[in-house]
Amino acid sequence: HPGTNNVFQIRTQSMFAVRYNDHSVLENHHASAAFSLMQTESYNIFMNISSESAAKLRSEIIEVVLATDMAQHFAKVAQVKTKLSTEEFLVFDHAEDKLLMMKLVLHACDISNAAKPLPLCAEWVCRVMTEFFLQGDKEKELDLPVSQLMDRRSTNIAKAQIGFIDILVMPMFVEICRVLPPVAELTDNLAKNKAFWQTQTEEMENEMIDETQRIPMPDGSKKSTSHPELVSGGRASLVPMSLYNDQRFLANSDWEIKMAEGDKSSRETEQRGQPSAGNGQHSRQSVMVSSAQPASQRMESPEPGVDVPGRVPAPVS
C-alpha cells in the first residue's frame, strides 16, 4: 500500500490508477497482488481443492475485497438495511445475501479502528491521521486539491473522529449487530470512544490553530502526527509517502515468483547445511526490491528503524 488513497492515485495517474482504469484502484491492486503470489505453488492456498471450488473462492474473494472501497460504503449499508426489513434475509438461503454480509463484515474490519478499545483506537488514530496529513502535504506540494480531513492546518482530529464514528462506522456496525449480536461490544466501544473525543475537541481546536495539534492518549501522553515522531515498539511506524516510488509496489507475477524462488533457494541451502544469504524475511525483501526496481532507483531507509519495503530495518538504538 503506497500510503495514499484512491483519489490521490487517480489524480496523479499513478501506475495503479492507469492499470485499473481508475476503478477501486488500491482494492484491485490488493486482490491482484494476492492472486499473483498464489501463482507460485508454494503460496497457492487453493492447491488442494478442486478447480471448481478454487474458481468460486477466487470470485468471492475478489468481490469482497473490491467492496472495501469507501466509495461503496453508503450503498452497501443502505442495501443491508433494506434487506433487514424482511425476515427472509436472516435465513440466508440465498448466496447473494451471504455474499452481501461478507462484504459488509470485511469492510467493517477495514475501518474498525474506531471500534477498538480506547488505547488501540487512539494509537490507530495517530497512525491514520499521520498518513492522511502526509498525503495532504504531498497534495499541496503537487498543487492538487487537498482531500477532506488531510490538511493538518484545518482538520480538528477530535472532531474528525466524532464525524467518522457518527457518519460512517456506527450506522454500519448497528446494522451488522442486527445479524451478529456479539458486535454490540464494538458499538459500546464506539460510544465510549466518541465520548472521549468529545472531551478533546476544544483543546485540539486551539492546537490546530497554533499548528501544535497532537493525539491525546488515554494515559495522558500525546503523540505527534509528524514523521518521524510516530514511533511504536521502538520502530517508526510509517514512512512519508514522498519516500515511496510506484515501482516499489509492482503487483505482477514476475517479482512475486522471484520472491518465492528466493525463499525456496534459501530453504534448500539451509537443508544442505550450507549458510544461506540471510533469513527468509531478508531473502523475500531483497528479491522483491531487486526485481521490482532498477538499482539506480532503489532507496535506502531514511533512518534506522524505519520500515521501507524491500529492506530489513536497522535496529533502533
C-alpha atoms as a PDB file:
ATOM      1  CA  HIS A   1       0.000   0.000   0.000  1.00  0.00           C
ATOM      2  CA  PRO A   2       1.558   3.307  -1.069  1.00  0.00           C
ATOM      3  CA  GLY A   3       0.087   5.283   1.841  1.00  0.00           C
ATOM      4  CA  THR A   4      -2.303   7.369  -0.262  1.00  0.00           C
ATOM      5  CA  ASN A   5      -5.944   6.822  -1.130  1.00  0.00           C
ATOM      6  CA  ASN A   6      -7.688   6.104  -4.414  1.00  0.00           C
ATOM      7  CA  VAL A   7      -8.416   9.784  -5.036  1.00  0.00           C
ATOM      8  CA  PHE A   8      -4.703  10.607  -4.908  1.00  0.00           C
ATOM      9  CA  GLN A   9      -3.853   7.643  -7.126  1.00  0.00           C
ATOM     10  CA  ILE A  10      -6.362   8.809  -9.746  1.00  0.00           C
ATOM     11  CA  ARG A  11      -5.432  12.490  -9.607  1.00  0.00           C
ATOM     12  CA  THR A  12      -1.750  11.693 -10.093  1.00  0.00           C
ATOM     13  CA  GLN A  13      -2.472   8.950 -12.651  1.00  0.00           C
ATOM     14  CA  SER A  14      -0.241   6.536 -10.787  1.00  0.00           C
ATOM     15  CA  MET A  15       0.693   3.202 -12.305  1.00  0.00           C
ATOM     16  CA  PHE A  16      -2.086   1.609 -10.256  1.00  0.00           C
ATOM     17  CA  ALA A  17      -4.720   4.073 -11.465  1.00  0.00           C
ATOM     18  CA  VAL A  18      -3.668   3.516 -15.079  1.00  0.00           C
ATOM     19  CA  ARG A  19      -3.590  -0.266 -14.638  1.00  0.00           C
ATOM     20  CA  TYR A  20      -7.041  -0.470 -13.055  1.00  0.00           C
ATOM     21  CA  ASN A  21      -8.701   2.301 -15.092  1.00  0.00           C
ATOM     22  CA  ASP A  22      -9.450   4.474 -12.047  1.00  0.00           C
ATOM     23  CA  HIS A  23     -11.851   1.877 -10.574  1.00  0.00           C
ATOM     24  CA  SER A  24     -11.305   0.764  -6.942  1.00  0.00           C
ATOM     25  CA  VAL A  25      -7.618   1.248  -7.619  1.00  0.00           C
ATOM     26  CA  LEU A  26      -5.995   0.005  -4.416  1.00  0.00           C
ATOM     27  CA  GLU A  27      -8.609  -2.677  -3.803  1.00  0.00           C
ATOM     28  CA  ASN A  28      -7.933  -4.082  -7.269  1.00  0.00           C
ATOM     29  CA  HIS A  29      -4.219  -3.917  -6.544  1.00  0.00           C
ATOM     30  CA  HIS A  30      -4.572  -5.831  -3.271  1.00  0.00           C
ATOM     31  CA  ALA A  31      -6.626  -8.618  -4.821  1.00  0.00           C
ATOM     32  CA  SER A  32      -4.370  -8.851  -7.864  1.00  0.00           C
ATOM     33  CA  ALA A  33      -1.190  -8.917  -5.787  1.00  0.00           C
ATOM     34  CA  ALA A  34      -2.554 -11.727  -3.611  1.00  0.00           C
ATOM     35  CA  PHE A  35      -3.588 -13.900  -6.541  1.00  0.00           C
ATOM     36  CA  SER A  36      -0.356 -13.157  -8.384  1.00  0.00           C
ATOM     37  CA  LEU A  37       1.523 -14.510  -5.394  1.00  0.00           C
ATOM     38  CA  MET A  38      -0.620 -17.636  -5.456  1.00  0.00           C
ATOM     39  CA  GLN A  39       0.573 -18.397  -8.981  1.00  0.00           C
ATOM     40  CA  THR A  40       3.617 -19.820  -7.202  1.00  0.00           C
ATOM     41  CA  GLU A  41       2.926 -23.350  -5.981  1.00  0.00           C
ATOM     42  CA  SER A  42       4.380 -22.873  -2.502  1.00  0.00           C
ATOM     43  CA  TYR A  43       1.963 -19.975  -1.883  1.00  0.00           C
ATOM     44  CA  ASN A  44      -1.108 -21.474  -3.552  1.00  0.00           C
ATOM     45  CA  ILE A  45      -3.582 -21.987  -0.707  1.00  0.00           C
ATOM     46  CA  PHE A  46      -6.070 -23.470  -3.205  1.00  0.00           C
ATOM     47  CA  MET A  47      -3.839 -26.263  -4.464  1.00  0.00           C
ATOM     48  CA  ASN A  48      -5.633 -29.000  -2.501  1.00  0.00           C
ATOM     49  CA  ILE A  49      -9.172 -28.142  -3.503  1.00  0.00           C
ATOM     50  CA  SER A  50     -10.991 -28.714  -6.756  1.00  0.00           C
ATOM     51  CA  SER A  51     -10.658 -26.237  -9.601  1.00  0.00           C
ATOM     52  CA  GLU A  52     -14.393 -25.522  -9.339  1.00  0.00           C
ATOM     53  CA  SER A  53     -14.115 -24.626  -5.644  1.00  0.00           C
ATOM     54  CA  ALA A  54     -10.988 -22.564  -6.265  1.00  0.00           C
ATOM     55  CA  ALA A  55     -12.747 -20.595  -9.006  1.00  0.00           C
ATOM     56  CA  LYS A  56     -15.737 -19.939  -6.737  1.00  0.00           C
ATOM     57  CA  LEU A  57     -13.495 -18.815  -3.864  1.00  0.00           C
ATOM     58  CA  ARG A  58     -11.467 -16.576  -6.143  1.00  0.00           C
ATOM     59  CA  SER A  59     -14.617 -14.906  -7.442  1.00  0.00           C
ATOM     60  CA  GLU A  60     -15.973 -14.335  -3.926  1.00  0.00           C
ATOM     61  CA  ILE A  61     -12.663 -13.048  -2.556  1.00  0.00           C
ATOM     62  CA  ILE A  62     -12.342 -10.549  -5.382  1.00  0.00           C
ATOM     63  CA  GLU A  63     -15.906  -9.316  -4.868  1.00  0.00           C
ATOM     64  CA  VAL A  64     -15.481  -8.985  -1.123  1.00  0.00           C
ATOM     65  CA  VAL A  65     -12.138  -7.174  -1.366  1.00  0.00           C
ATOM     66  CA  LEU A  66     -13.405  -4.751  -4.019  1.00  0.00           C
ATOM     67  CA  ALA A  67     -16.374  -3.979  -1.764  1.00  0.00           C
ATOM     68  CA  THR A  68     -13.996  -2.470   0.815  1.00  0.00           C
ATOM     69  CA  ASP A  69     -13.703   0.595  -1.445  1.00  0.00           C
ATOM     70  CA  MET A  70     -15.075   3.504   0.638  1.00  0.00           C
ATOM     71  CA  ALA A  71     -16.855   4.750  -2.479  1.00  0.00           C
ATOM     72  CA  GLN A  72     -19.309   1.861  -1.995  1.00  0.00           C
ATOM     73  CA  HIS A  73     -19.845   2.385   1.738  1.00  0.00           C
ATOM     74  CA  PHE A  74     -23.224   4.112   1.870  1.00  0.00           C
ATOM     75  CA  ALA A  75     -24.741   1.980  -0.889  1.00  0.00           C
ATOM     76  CA  LYS A  76     -23.745  -1.243   0.886  1.00  0.00           C
ATOM     77  CA  VAL A  77     -25.070  -0.099   4.274  1.00  0.00           C
ATOM     78  CA  ALA A  78     -28.358   1.010   2.692  1.00  0.00           C
ATOM     79  CA  GLN A  79     -28.645  -2.294   0.854  1.00  0.00           C
ATOM     80  CA  VAL A  80     -28.259  -4.310   4.071  1.00  0.00           C
ATOM     81  CA  LYS A  81     -30.669  -2.021   5.916  1.00  0.00           C
ATOM     82  CA  THR A  82     -33.295  -2.606   3.220  1.00  0.00           C
ATOM     83  CA  LYS A  83     -32.669  -6.358   3.238  1.00  0.00           C
ATOM     84  CA  LEU A  84     -33.062  -6.492   7.019  1.00  0.00           C
ATOM     85  CA  SER A  85     -36.595  -5.155   6.713  1.00  0.00           C
ATOM     86  CA  THR A  86     -37.597  -8.664   5.653  1.00  0.00           C
ATOM     87  CA  GLU A  87     -37.231 -11.776   7.806  1.00  0.00           C
ATOM     88  CA  GLU A  88     -36.216 -13.761   4.744  1.00  0.00           C
ATOM     89  CA  PHE A  89     -32.795 -12.116   4.700  1.00  0.00           C
ATOM     90  CA  LEU A  90     -31.772 -13.522   8.085  1.00  0.00           C
ATOM     91  CA  VAL A  91     -32.382 -17.070   6.871  1.00  0.00           C
ATOM     92  CA  PHE A  92     -29.529 -16.648   4.378  1.00  0.00           C
ATOM     93  CA  ASP A  93     -30.977 -19.080   1.885  1.00  0.00           C
ATOM     94  CA  HIS A  94     -29.654 -17.007  -0.993  1.00  0.00           C
ATOM     95  CA  ALA A  95     -25.980 -16.915  -1.932  1.00  0.00           C
ATOM     96  CA  GLU A  96     -26.162 -13.212  -2.767  1.00  0.00           C
ATOM     97  CA  ASP A  97     -27.352 -12.427   0.780  1.00  0.00           C
ATOM     98  CA  LYS A  98     -24.419 -14.297   2.295  1.00  0.00           C
ATOM     99  CA  LEU A  99     -22.042 -12.505  -0.036  1.00  0.00           C
ATOM    100  CA  LEU A 100     -23.532  -9.130   0.886  1.00  0.00           C
ATOM    101  CA  MET A 101     -22.893  -9.764   4.589  1.00  0.00           C
ATOM    102  CA  MET A 102     -19.377 -10.968   3.840  1.00  0.00           C
ATOM    103  CA  LYS A 103     -18.726  -7.705   2.022  1.00  0.00           C
ATOM    104  CA  LEU A 104     -20.094  -5.620   4.870  1.00  0.00           C
ATOM    105  CA  VAL A 105     -18.204  -7.521   7.570  1.00  0.00           C
ATOM    106  CA  LEU A 106     -14.849  -7.292   5.777  1.00  0.00           C
ATOM    107  CA  HIS A 107     -15.430  -3.593   5.163  1.00  0.00           C
ATOM    108  CA  ALA A 108     -16.266  -3.208   8.859  1.00  0.00           C
ATOM    109  CA  CYS A 109     -12.947  -4.841   9.721  1.00  0.00           C
ATOM    110  CA  ASP A 110     -11.224  -2.411   7.389  1.00  0.00           C
ATOM    111  CA  ILE A 111     -12.471   0.648   9.297  1.00  0.00           C
ATOM    112  CA  SER A 112     -12.769  -0.955  12.735  1.00  0.00           C
ATOM    113  CA  ASN A 113     -10.033   1.132  14.360  1.00  0.00           C
ATOM    114  CA  ALA A 114     -12.702   3.423  15.828  1.00  0.00           C
ATOM    115  CA  ALA A 115     -14.398   0.397  17.465  1.00  0.00           C
ATOM    116  CA  LYS A 116     -11.341  -0.909  19.277  1.00  0.00           C
ATOM    117  CA  PRO A 117     -10.726  -0.311  22.995  1.00  0.00           C
ATOM    118  CA  LEU A 118      -9.641   3.290  23.524  1.00  0.00           C
ATOM    119  CA  PRO A 119      -5.847   2.726  23.827  1.00  0.00           C
ATOM    120  CA  LEU A 120      -5.800   0.868  20.497  1.00  0.00           C
ATOM    121  CA  CYS A 121      -8.253   3.308  18.941  1.00  0.00           C
ATOM    122  CA  ALA A 122      -6.051   6.282  19.854  1.00  0.00           C
ATOM    123  CA  GLU A 123      -2.947   4.533  18.510  1.00  0.00           C
ATOM    124  CA  TRP A 124      -4.694   3.887  15.205  1.00  0.00           C
ATOM    125  CA  VAL A 125      -5.968   7.454  15.034  1.00  0.00           C
ATOM    126  CA  CYS A 126      -2.350   8.572  15.320  1.00  0.00           C
ATOM    127  CA  ARG A 127      -1.245   6.282  12.518  1.00  0.00           C
ATOM    128  CA  VAL A 128      -4.157   7.049  10.203  1.00  0.00           C
ATOM    129  CA  MET A 129      -4.013  10.823  10.692  1.00  0.00           C
ATOM    130  CA  THR A 130      -0.260  10.813  10.135  1.00  0.00           C
ATOM    131  CA  GLU A 131      -0.857   9.064   6.803  1.00  0.00           C
ATOM    132  CA  PHE A 132      -3.686  11.471   5.959  1.00  0.00           C
ATOM    133  CA  PHE A 133      -1.596  14.556   6.717  1.00  0.00           C
ATOM    134  CA  LEU A 134       1.338  13.235   4.727  1.00  0.00           C
ATOM    135  CA  GLN A 135      -0.972  12.850   1.739  1.00  0.00           C
ATOM    136  CA  GLY A 136      -2.296  16.368   2.305  1.00  0.00           C
ATOM    137  CA  ASP A 137       1.253  17.696   2.388  1.00  0.00           C
ATOM    138  CA  LYS A 138       2.001  15.923  -0.872  1.00  0.00           C
ATOM    139  CA  GLU A 139      -1.178  17.255  -2.487  1.00  0.00           C
ATOM    140  CA  LYS A 140      -0.113  20.811  -1.597  1.00  0.00           C
ATOM    141  CA  GLU A 141       3.347  20.127  -2.980  1.00  0.00           C
ATOM    142  CA  LEU A 142       1.808  18.953  -6.269  1.00  0.00           C
ATOM    143  CA  ASP A 143      -0.708  21.838  -6.339  1.00  0.00           C
ATOM    144  CA  LEU A 144      -3.627  19.416  -6.091  1.00  0.00           C
ATOM    145  CA  PRO A 145      -6.855  19.995  -4.133  1.00  0.00           C
ATOM    146  CA  VAL A 146      -6.247  18.833  -0.565  1.00  0.00           C
ATOM    147  CA  SER A 147      -8.509  15.900   0.252  1.00  0.00           C
ATOM    148  CA  GLN A 148     -11.026  16.134   3.066  1.00  0.00           C
ATOM    149  CA  LEU A 149      -9.513  15.609   6.555  1.00  0.00           C
ATOM    150  CA  MET A 150      -5.984  15.641   5.126  1.00  0.00           C
ATOM    151  CA  ASP A 151      -4.994  19.262   5.721  1.00  0.00           C
ATOM    152  CA  ARG A 152      -3.139  19.405   9.026  1.00  0.00           C
ATOM    153  CA  ARG A 153      -3.844  23.146   9.282  1.00  0.00           C
ATOM    154  CA  SER A 154      -7.642  22.885   9.111  1.00  0.00           C
ATOM    155  CA  THR A 155      -8.518  19.415  10.444  1.00  0.00           C
ATOM    156  CA  ASN A 156      -9.511  19.107  14.087  1.00  0.00           C
ATOM    157  CA  ILE A 157      -8.614  15.473  14.709  1.00  0.00           C
ATOM    158  CA  ALA A 158     -11.092  15.018  17.579  1.00  0.00           C
ATOM    159  CA  LYS A 159     -13.975  16.393  15.505  1.00  0.00           C
ATOM    160  CA  ALA A 160     -12.873  14.197  12.594  1.00  0.00           C
ATOM    161  CA  GLN A 161     -13.115  11.094  14.798  1.00  0.00           C
ATOM    162  CA  ILE A 162     -16.561  12.048  16.048  1.00  0.00           C
ATOM    163  CA  GLY A 163     -17.767  12.513  12.490  1.00  0.00           C
ATOM    164  CA  PHE A 164     -16.126   9.268  11.405  1.00  0.00           C
ATOM    165  CA  ILE A 165     -17.972   7.381  14.148  1.00  0.00           C
ATOM    166  CA  ASP A 166     -21.338   9.108  13.684  1.00  0.00           C
ATOM    167  CA  ILE A 167     -21.494   9.116   9.902  1.00  0.00           C
ATOM    168  CA  LEU A 168     -19.599   6.023   8.811  1.00  0.00           C
ATOM    169  CA  VAL A 169     -18.784   3.474  11.473  1.00  0.00           C
ATOM    170  CA  MET A 170     -21.659   3.417  13.964  1.00  0.00           C
ATOM    171  CA  PRO A 171     -24.502   3.152  11.387  1.00  0.00           C
ATOM    172  CA  MET A 172     -22.758   0.223   9.715  1.00  0.00           C
ATOM    173  CA  PHE A 173     -21.972  -1.593  12.955  1.00  0.00           C
ATOM    174  CA  VAL A 174     -25.565  -1.151  14.156  1.00  0.00           C
ATOM    175  CA  GLU A 175     -26.828  -2.965  11.051  1.00  0.00           C
ATOM    176  CA  ILE A 176     -24.228  -5.722  11.420  1.00  0.00           C
ATOM    177  CA  CYS A 177     -25.233  -6.096  15.067  1.00  0.00           C
ATOM    178  CA  ARG A 178     -28.762  -6.962  13.967  1.00  0.00           C
ATOM    179  CA  VAL A 179     -27.302 -10.008  12.224  1.00  0.00           C
ATOM    180  CA  LEU A 180     -24.388 -10.694  14.593  1.00  0.00           C
ATOM    181  CA  PRO A 181     -25.451  -9.656  18.134  1.00  0.00           C
ATOM    182  CA  PRO A 182     -21.951 -10.042  19.709  1.00  0.00           C
ATOM    183  CA  VAL A 183     -20.941  -6.985  17.662  1.00  0.00           C
ATOM    184  CA  ALA A 184     -22.715  -4.991  20.394  1.00  0.00           C
ATOM    185  CA  GLU A 185     -19.398  -4.986  22.253  1.00  0.00           C
ATOM    186  CA  LEU A 186     -17.963  -2.922  19.414  1.00  0.00           C
ATOM    187  CA  THR A 187     -20.852  -0.474  19.296  1.00  0.00           C
ATOM    188  CA  ASP A 188     -20.288   0.050  23.042  1.00  0.00           C
ATOM    189  CA  ASN A 189     -16.634   0.833  22.289  1.00  0.00           C
ATOM    190  CA  LEU A 190     -17.709   3.287  19.610  1.00  0.00           C
ATOM    191  CA  ALA A 191     -19.903   5.148  22.102  1.00  0.00           C
ATOM    192  CA  LYS A 192     -17.091   5.281  24.687  1.00  0.00           C
ATOM    193  CA  ASN A 193     -14.525   6.424  22.141  1.00  0.00           C
ATOM    194  CA  LYS A 194     -16.846   9.121  20.819  1.00  0.00           C
ATOM    195  CA  ALA A 195     -17.306  10.404  24.376  1.00  0.00           C
ATOM    196  CA  PHE A 196     -13.514  10.565  24.772  1.00  0.00           C
ATOM    197  CA  TRP A 197     -13.030  12.580  21.582  1.00  0.00           C
ATOM    198  CA  GLN A 198     -15.818  14.943  22.607  1.00  0.00           C
ATOM    199  CA  THR A 199     -13.755  15.925  25.648  1.00  0.00           C
ATOM    200  CA  GLN A 200     -10.800  16.779  23.398  1.00  0.00           C
ATOM    201  CA  THR A 201     -12.394  18.956  20.707  1.00  0.00           C
ATOM    202  CA  GLU A 202     -11.790  22.390  22.259  1.00  0.00           C
ATOM    203  CA  GLU A 203      -8.160  21.750  23.173  1.00  0.00           C
ATOM    204  CA  MET A 204      -7.434  20.214  19.772  1.00  0.00           C
ATOM    205  CA  GLU A 205      -9.090  23.172  18.031  1.00  0.00           C
ATOM    206  CA  ASN A 206      -6.670  25.521  19.771  1.00  0.00           C
ATOM    207  CA  GLU A 207      -3.739  23.242  18.952  1.00  0.00           C
ATOM    208  CA  MET A 208      -4.845  23.101  15.323  1.00  0.00           C
ATOM    209  CA  ILE A 209      -4.844  26.900  15.118  1.00  0.00           C
ATOM    210  CA  ASP A 210      -1.390  27.002  16.720  1.00  0.00           C
ATOM    211  CA  GLU A 211      -0.209  24.142  14.460  1.00  0.00           C
ATOM    212  CA  THR A 212       0.743  22.104  17.531  1.00  0.00           C
ATOM    213  CA  GLN A 213      -2.038  19.513  17.308  1.00  0.00           C
ATOM    214  CA  ARG A 214      -1.148  16.110  18.763  1.00  0.00           C
ATOM    215  CA  ILE A 215      -3.083  12.939  19.534  1.00  0.00           C
ATOM    216  CA  PRO A 216      -4.175  12.618  23.182  1.00  0.00           C
ATOM    217  CA  MET A 217      -3.559   9.123  24.553  1.00  0.00           C
ATOM    218  CA  PRO A 218      -5.602   7.560  27.376  1.00  0.00           C
ATOM    219  CA  ASP A 219      -2.533   7.531  29.656  1.00  0.00           C
ATOM    220  CA  GLY A 220      -2.300  11.324  29.442  1.00  0.00           C
ATOM    221  CA  SER A 221       0.582  11.425  26.962  1.00  0.00           C
ATOM    222  CA  LYS A 222       0.352  12.906  23.474  1.00  0.00           C
ATOM    223  CA  LYS A 223       1.685  11.740  20.132  1.00  0.00           C
ATOM    224  CA  SER A 224       2.658  13.843  17.164  1.00  0.00           C
ATOM    225  CA  THR A 225       1.306  13.299  13.681  1.00  0.00           C
ATOM    226  CA  SER A 226       4.585  14.469  12.163  1.00  0.00           C
ATOM    227  CA  HIS A 227       7.025  11.835  10.930  1.00  0.00           C
ATOM    228  CA  PRO A 228       9.344  10.503  12.326  1.00  0.00           C
ATOM    229  CA  GLU A 229       7.945  11.089  15.805  1.00  0.00           C
ATOM    230  CA  LEU A 230       5.261   8.442  15.330  1.00  0.00           C
ATOM    231  CA  VAL A 231       7.012   5.533  16.996  1.00  0.00           C
ATOM    232  CA  SER A 232       5.634   2.249  18.256  1.00  0.00           C
ATOM    233  CA  GLY A 233       7.601  -0.559  19.844  1.00  0.00           C
ATOM    234  CA  GLY A 234      10.908   1.168  19.216  1.00  0.00           C
ATOM    235  CA  ARG A 235      10.347   1.462  15.483  1.00  0.00           C
ATOM    236  CA  ALA A 236       8.914   4.213  13.337  1.00  0.00           C
ATOM    237  CA  SER A 237       5.540   3.017  12.105  1.00  0.00           C
ATOM    238  CA  LEU A 238       5.133   4.989   8.906  1.00  0.00           C
ATOM    239  CA  VAL A 239       7.344   6.331   6.150  1.00  0.00           C
ATOM    240  CA  PRO A 240       6.497   9.612   4.419  1.00  0.00           C
ATOM    241  CA  MET A 241       4.655   8.955   1.166  1.00  0.00           C
ATOM    242  CA  SER A 242       7.252  11.035  -0.686  1.00  0.00           C
ATOM    243  CA  LEU A 243       9.889   8.385   0.024  1.00  0.00           C
ATOM    244  CA  TYR A 244       7.976   5.831  -1.953  1.00  0.00           C
ATOM    245  CA  ASN A 245       8.111   5.097  -5.640  1.00  0.00           C
ATOM    246  CA  ASP A 246       5.353   3.391  -7.590  1.00  0.00           C
ATOM    247  CA  GLN A 247       7.771   0.690  -8.645  1.00  0.00           C
ATOM    248  CA  ARG A 248       8.109  -0.492  -5.050  1.00  0.00           C
ATOM    249  CA  PHE A 249       4.528  -1.652  -5.259  1.00  0.00           C
ATOM    250  CA  LEU A 250       4.558  -3.518  -8.548  1.00  0.00           C
ATOM    251  CA  ALA A 251       1.941  -6.229  -8.459  1.00  0.00           C
ATOM    252  CA  ASN A 252       2.875  -8.648 -11.170  1.00  0.00           C
ATOM    253  CA  SER A 253       3.775 -12.291 -11.113  1.00  0.00           C
ATOM    254  CA  ASP A 254       7.373 -11.634 -12.133  1.00  0.00           C
ATOM    255  CA  TRP A 255       8.696 -10.235  -8.881  1.00  0.00           C
ATOM    256  CA  GLU A 256       6.393 -12.342  -6.726  1.00  0.00           C
ATOM    257  CA  ILE A 257       7.563 -15.548  -8.397  1.00  0.00           C
ATOM    258  CA  LYS A 258      11.168 -14.441  -7.980  1.00  0.00           C
ATOM    259  CA  MET A 259      10.427 -13.669  -4.345  1.00  0.00           C
ATOM    260  CA  ALA A 260       9.091 -17.189  -3.849  1.00  0.00           C
ATOM    261  CA  GLU A 261      12.059 -18.679  -5.698  1.00  0.00           C
ATOM    262  CA  GLY A 262      14.377 -16.776  -3.383  1.00  0.00           C
ATOM    263  CA  ASP A 263      12.660 -18.347  -0.375  1.00  0.00           C
ATOM    264  CA  LYS A 264      12.875 -21.835  -1.889  1.00  0.00           C
ATOM    265  CA  SER A 265      16.559 -21.408  -2.710  1.00  0.00           C
ATOM    266  CA  SER A 266      17.269 -20.228   0.836  1.00  0.00           C
ATOM    267  CA  ARG A 267      15.446 -23.210   2.354  1.00  0.00           C
ATOM    268  CA  GLU A 268      17.248 -25.701   0.119  1.00  0.00           C
ATOM    269  CA  THR A 269      20.605 -24.183   1.035  1.00  0.00           C
ATOM    270  CA  GLU A 270      19.831 -24.452   4.734  1.00  0.00           C
ATOM    271  CA  GLN A 271      18.656 -28.055   4.348  1.00  0.00           C
ATOM    272  CA  ARG A 272      22.015 -28.927   2.775  1.00  0.00           C
ATOM    273  CA  GLY A 273      23.699 -27.482   5.843  1.00  0.00           C
ATOM    274  CA  GLN A 274      25.159 -24.518   3.978  1.00  0.00           C
ATOM    275  CA  PRO A 275      24.791 -20.977   5.288  1.00  0.00           C
ATOM    276  CA  SER A 276      22.112 -19.050   3.454  1.00  0.00           C
ATOM    277  CA  ALA A 277      22.366 -15.466   2.300  1.00  0.00           C
ATOM    278  CA  GLY A 278      20.094 -14.418   5.147  1.00  0.00           C
ATOM    279  CA  ASN A 279      16.912 -15.338   6.920  1.00  0.00           C
ATOM    280  CA  GLY A 280      13.743 -15.931   4.946  1.00  0.00           C
ATOM    281  CA  GLN A 281      12.373 -12.465   5.571  1.00  0.00           C
ATOM    282  CA  HIS A 282      15.548 -10.807   4.348  1.00  0.00           C
ATOM    283  CA  SER A 283      15.570 -13.028   1.244  1.00  0.00           C
ATOM    284  CA  ARG A 284      11.971 -12.185   0.416  1.00  0.00           C
ATOM    285  CA  GLN A 285      12.506  -8.469   0.745  1.00  0.00           C
ATOM    286  CA  SER A 286      15.804  -8.428  -1.121  1.00  0.00           C
ATOM    287  CA  VAL A 287      14.410 -10.365  -4.079  1.00  0.00           C
ATOM    288  CA  MET A 288      11.345  -8.141  -4.177  1.00  0.00           C
ATOM    289  CA  VAL A 289      13.404  -4.968  -4.442  1.00  0.00           C
ATOM    290  CA  SER A 290      15.915  -6.334  -6.919  1.00  0.00           C
ATOM    291  CA  SER A 291      13.239  -7.458  -9.331  1.00  0.00           C
ATOM    292  CA  ALA A 292      10.737  -4.655  -8.809  1.00  0.00           C
ATOM    293  CA  GLN A 293      13.073  -1.709  -9.084  1.00  0.00           C
ATOM    294  CA  PRO A 294      16.215  -0.875 -11.068  1.00  0.00           C
ATOM    295  CA  ALA A 295      19.328  -0.438  -8.946  1.00  0.00           C
ATOM    296  CA  SER A 296      19.605   3.210  -9.922  1.00  0.00           C
ATOM    297  CA  GLN A 297      16.186   3.915  -8.410  1.00  0.00           C
ATOM    298  CA  ARG A 298      16.441   1.956  -5.166  1.00  0.00           C
ATOM    299  CA  MET A 299      16.333   3.936  -1.950  1.00  0.00           C
ATOM    300  CA  GLU A 300      17.849   3.126   1.381  1.00  0.00           C
ATOM    301  CA  SER A 301      15.862   3.504   4.558  1.00  0.00           C
ATOM    302  CA  PRO A 302      15.931   7.186   5.541  1.00  0.00           C
ATOM    303  CA  GLU A 303      16.916   6.405   9.089  1.00  0.00           C
ATOM    304  CA  PRO A 304      17.456   3.418  11.388  1.00  0.00           C
ATOM    305  CA  GLY A 305      14.270   1.616  12.294  1.00  0.00           C
ATOM    306  CA  VAL A 306      12.066   2.989   9.520  1.00  0.00           C
ATOM    307  CA  ASP A 307      10.183   0.311   7.611  1.00  0.00           C
ATOM    308  CA  VAL A 308      10.858   0.723   3.899  1.00  0.00           C
ATOM    309  CA  PRO A 309       9.565  -2.074   1.645  1.00  0.00           C
ATOM    310  CA  GLY A 310      12.434  -4.201   0.436  1.00  0.00           C
ATOM    311  CA  ARG A 311      14.844  -3.539   3.266  1.00  0.00           C
ATOM    312  CA  VAL A 312      15.184  -5.072   6.713  1.00  0.00           C
ATOM    313  CA  PRO A 313      15.073  -2.092   9.068  1.00  0.00           C
ATOM    314  CA  ALA A 314      18.167  -1.388  11.133  1.00  0.00           C
ATOM    315  CA  PRO A 315      17.511  -1.669  14.861  1.00  0.00           C
ATOM    316  CA  VAL A 316      16.789   1.456  16.798  1.00  0.00           C
ATOM    317  CA  SER A 317      19.407   2.068  19.456  1.00  0.00           C
END
